[in-house]
Amino acid sequence: MRSSIKVLVGVVLAAALLPGATANQDKKADHTVKMLDGKFDKMDIKIKVGQSVLWHNDGDKTHTATSDDGTDKDLAFDTKDVDPKKDSKVITFKKAGTVSYHCNLHKQMKGRITIEK
């Protein structure tokens, strides 16, 4: 039993130390992007490593913010479905780079985040 707990604690600690994009249910974010029906209000944003983004669905349809296929695994993210008038989980970026993203439900909705050191 003790060895199982040690393994679980080790896995949790290792996951917490990994670089890249991480999700957080805490609603405080450094940047907010609005999801409108048909587009993101900020299609190209620049942030610093360690800063976070929250997507607010200001439209009447469900949307997602999902990194494009082929994105560096350390920058990849997916907000999953964000219902109208709701917020996504907060995504914190822990590595420099550029990530393009889209709405899985409305492919014309595209955006880009540049994460600078």
C-alpha atoms as a PDB file:
ATOM      1  CA  MET A   1       0.000   0.000   0.000  1.00  0.00           C
ATOM      2  CA  ARG A   2       2.763   2.431   0.945  1.00  0.00           C
ATOM      3  CA  SER A   3       4.627   1.787  -2.305  1.00  0.00           C
ATOM      4  CA  SER A   4       1.438   2.535  -4.289  1.00  0.00           C
ATOM      5  CA  ILE A   5       1.058   5.853  -2.494  1.00  0.00           C
ATOM      6  CA  LYS A   6       4.716   6.701  -3.137  1.00  0.00           C
ATOM      7  CA  VAL A   7       4.291   5.931  -6.839  1.00  0.00           C
ATOM      8  CA  LEU A   8       1.133   8.044  -7.038  1.00  0.00           C
ATOM      9  CA  VAL A   9       2.820  10.968  -5.280  1.00  0.00           C
ATOM     10  CA  GLY A  10       5.804  10.642  -7.644  1.00  0.00           C
ATOM     11  CA  VAL A  11       3.569  10.694 -10.721  1.00  0.00           C
ATOM     12  CA  VAL A  12       1.688  13.763  -9.473  1.00  0.00           C
ATOM     13  CA  LEU A  13       4.927  15.618  -8.684  1.00  0.00           C
ATOM     14  CA  ALA A  14       6.462  14.704 -12.050  1.00  0.00           C
ATOM     15  CA  ALA A  15       3.376  15.933 -13.903  1.00  0.00           C
ATOM     16  CA  ALA A  16       3.476  19.221 -12.012  1.00  0.00           C
ATOM     17  CA  LEU A  17       7.065  19.834 -13.125  1.00  0.00           C
ATOM     18  CA  LEU A  18       6.575  19.145 -16.844  1.00  0.00           C
ATOM     19  CA  PRO A  19       6.968  22.121 -19.198  1.00  0.00           C
ATOM     20  CA  GLY A  20       4.283  23.182 -21.628  1.00  0.00           C
ATOM     21  CA  ALA A  21       0.634  24.085 -21.399  1.00  0.00           C
ATOM     22  CA  THR A  22      -1.272  23.139 -18.267  1.00  0.00           C
ATOM     23  CA  ALA A  23      -4.942  23.465 -17.394  1.00  0.00           C
ATOM     24  CA  ASN A  24      -6.299  25.018 -14.227  1.00  0.00           C
ATOM     25  CA  GLN A  25      -9.880  25.365 -13.082  1.00  0.00           C
ATOM     26  CA  ASP A  26      -9.043  28.571 -11.183  1.00  0.00           C
ATOM     27  CA  LYS A  27     -10.700  31.295 -13.264  1.00  0.00           C
ATOM     28  CA  LYS A  28      -7.978  33.933 -12.873  1.00  0.00           C
ATOM     29  CA  ALA A  29      -5.988  34.386 -16.068  1.00  0.00           C
ATOM     30  CA  ASP A  30      -3.520  36.897 -17.473  1.00  0.00           C
ATOM     31  CA  HIS A  31      -5.352  37.106 -20.817  1.00  0.00           C
ATOM     32  CA  THR A  32      -8.929  36.521 -21.969  1.00  0.00           C
ATOM     33  CA  VAL A  33     -10.008  35.686 -25.517  1.00  0.00           C
ATOM     34  CA  LYS A  34     -13.697  35.911 -26.379  1.00  0.00           C
ATOM     35  CA  MET A  35     -15.286  33.191 -28.484  1.00  0.00           C
ATOM     36  CA  LEU A  36     -17.779  34.817 -30.822  1.00  0.00           C
ATOM     37  CA  ASP A  37     -19.997  32.930 -33.237  1.00  0.00           C
ATOM     38  CA  GLY A  38     -17.647  32.733 -36.206  1.00  0.00           C
ATOM     39  CA  LYS A  39     -14.332  34.006 -34.781  1.00  0.00           C
ATOM     40  CA  PHE A  40     -12.135  34.638 -31.772  1.00  0.00           C
ATOM     41  CA  ASP A  41     -12.038  38.348 -30.871  1.00  0.00           C
ATOM     42  CA  LYS A  42      -8.240  38.287 -30.526  1.00  0.00           C
ATOM     43  CA  MET A  43      -6.908  36.188 -33.370  1.00  0.00           C
ATOM     44  CA  ASP A  44      -3.217  36.753 -32.602  1.00  0.00           C
ATOM     45  CA  ILE A  45      -1.949  37.387 -29.076  1.00  0.00           C
ATOM     46  CA  LYS A  46       1.513  37.575 -27.521  1.00  0.00           C
ATOM     47  CA  ILE A  47       2.102  36.458 -23.959  1.00  0.00           C
ATOM     48  CA  LYS A  48       5.083  35.666 -21.726  1.00  0.00           C
ATOM     49  CA  VAL A  49       6.170  32.220 -20.544  1.00  0.00           C
ATOM     50  CA  GLY A  50       4.236  31.452 -17.359  1.00  0.00           C
ATOM     51  CA  GLN A  51       1.207  33.523 -18.328  1.00  0.00           C
ATOM     52  CA  SER A  52      -2.249  32.073 -18.812  1.00  0.00           C
ATOM     53  CA  VAL A  53      -5.219  32.384 -21.168  1.00  0.00           C
ATOM     54  CA  LEU A  54      -8.927  31.889 -20.532  1.00  0.00           C
ATOM     55  CA  TRP A  55     -11.507  31.711 -23.314  1.00  0.00           C
ATOM     56  CA  HIS A  56     -14.950  33.208 -22.618  1.00  0.00           C
ATOM     57  CA  ASN A  57     -17.767  32.078 -24.898  1.00  0.00           C
ATOM     58  CA  ASP A  58     -19.627  35.278 -25.722  1.00  0.00           C
ATOM     59  CA  GLY A  59     -21.586  33.613 -28.533  1.00  0.00           C
ATOM     60  CA  ASP A  60     -24.812  31.644 -28.720  1.00  0.00           C
ATOM     61  CA  LYS A  61     -23.177  28.348 -29.787  1.00  0.00           C
ATOM     62  CA  THR A  62     -20.802  25.953 -28.031  1.00  0.00           C
ATOM     63  CA  HIS A  63     -17.130  26.424 -29.002  1.00  0.00           C
ATOM     64  CA  THR A  64     -13.685  24.997 -28.269  1.00  0.00           C
ATOM     65  CA  ALA A  65     -10.145  26.311 -28.415  1.00  0.00           C
ATOM     66  CA  THR A  66      -7.957  23.423 -29.567  1.00  0.00           C
ATOM     67  CA  SER A  67      -4.333  23.513 -30.690  1.00  0.00           C
ATOM     68  CA  ASP A  68      -3.793  22.454 -34.287  1.00  0.00           C
ATOM     69  CA  ASP A  69      -2.552  18.974 -35.182  1.00  0.00           C
ATOM     70  CA  GLY A  70       1.232  18.825 -35.152  1.00  0.00           C
ATOM     71  CA  THR A  71       1.598  21.330 -32.302  1.00  0.00           C
ATOM     72  CA  ASP A  72       4.580  20.755 -30.018  1.00  0.00           C
ATOM     73  CA  LYS A  73       3.245  18.431 -27.306  1.00  0.00           C
ATOM     74  CA  ASP A  74       4.512  20.854 -24.648  1.00  0.00           C
ATOM     75  CA  LEU A  75       2.278  23.611 -26.059  1.00  0.00           C
ATOM     76  CA  ALA A  76      -0.754  21.536 -27.070  1.00  0.00           C
ATOM     77  CA  PHE A  77      -4.076  22.209 -25.348  1.00  0.00           C
ATOM     78  CA  ASP A  78      -7.819  21.674 -25.685  1.00  0.00           C
ATOM     79  CA  THR A  79     -10.436  23.587 -23.717  1.00  0.00           C
ATOM     80  CA  LYS A  80     -13.071  20.981 -24.656  1.00  0.00           C
ATOM     81  CA  ASP A  81     -16.611  22.310 -25.142  1.00  0.00           C
ATOM     82  CA  VAL A  82     -17.282  25.771 -23.722  1.00  0.00           C
ATOM     83  CA  ASP A  83     -20.999  26.448 -23.512  1.00  0.00           C
ATOM     84  CA  PRO A  84     -22.480  29.889 -24.313  1.00  0.00           C
ATOM     85  CA  LYS A  85     -21.793  32.558 -21.673  1.00  0.00           C
ATOM     86  CA  LYS A  86     -19.319  30.237 -19.868  1.00  0.00           C
ATOM     87  CA  ASP A  87     -15.544  30.282 -19.347  1.00  0.00           C
ATOM     88  CA  SER A  88     -13.014  27.659 -20.363  1.00  0.00           C
ATOM     89  CA  LYS A  89     -10.464  26.225 -18.014  1.00  0.00           C
ATOM     90  CA  VAL A  90      -7.402  28.447 -17.698  1.00  0.00           C
ATOM     91  CA  ILE A  91      -4.425  27.331 -19.800  1.00  0.00           C
ATOM     92  CA  THR A  92      -0.942  28.314 -18.568  1.00  0.00           C
ATOM     93  CA  PHE A  93       1.942  28.215 -21.039  1.00  0.00           C
ATOM     94  CA  LYS A  94       5.283  27.193 -19.541  1.00  0.00           C
ATOM     95  CA  LYS A  95       7.388  27.094 -22.704  1.00  0.00           C
ATOM     96  CA  ALA A  96       8.234  29.642 -25.396  1.00  0.00           C
ATOM     97  CA  GLY A  97       6.885  29.054 -28.881  1.00  0.00           C
ATOM     98  CA  THR A  98       3.947  29.695 -31.171  1.00  0.00           C
ATOM     99  CA  VAL A  99       0.750  27.685 -31.168  1.00  0.00           C
ATOM    100  CA  SER A 100      -2.044  27.954 -33.711  1.00  0.00           C
ATOM    101  CA  TYR A 101      -5.487  26.849 -32.611  1.00  0.00           C
ATOM    102  CA  HIS A 102      -9.056  26.517 -33.843  1.00  0.00           C
ATOM    103  CA  CYS A 103     -12.586  25.680 -32.754  1.00  0.00           C
ATOM    104  CA  ASN A 104     -13.263  21.973 -33.303  1.00  0.00           C
ATOM    105  CA  LEU A 105     -16.920  22.740 -33.987  1.00  0.00           C
ATOM    106  CA  HIS A 106     -16.414  25.718 -36.323  1.00  0.00           C
ATOM    107  CA  LYS A 107     -13.200  25.258 -38.340  1.00  0.00           C
ATOM    108  CA  GLN A 108     -13.243  28.854 -39.654  1.00  0.00           C
ATOM    109  CA  MET A 109     -12.522  30.068 -36.116  1.00  0.00           C
ATOM    110  CA  LYS A 110      -8.733  30.320 -35.851  1.00  0.00           C
ATOM    111  CA  GLY A 111      -6.233  31.984 -33.571  1.00  0.00           C
ATOM    112  CA  ARG A 112      -2.560  32.057 -32.657  1.00  0.00           C
ATOM    113  CA  ILE A 113      -0.669  32.524 -29.411  1.00  0.00           C
ATOM    114  CA  THR A 114       2.989  33.530 -29.378  1.00  0.00           C
ATOM    115  CA  ILE A 115       4.640  32.730 -26.057  1.00  0.00           C
ATOM    116  CA  GLU A 116       7.793  34.787 -25.490  1.00  0.00           C
ATOM    117  CA  LYS A 117      10.541  34.354 -22.903  1.00  0.00           C
END
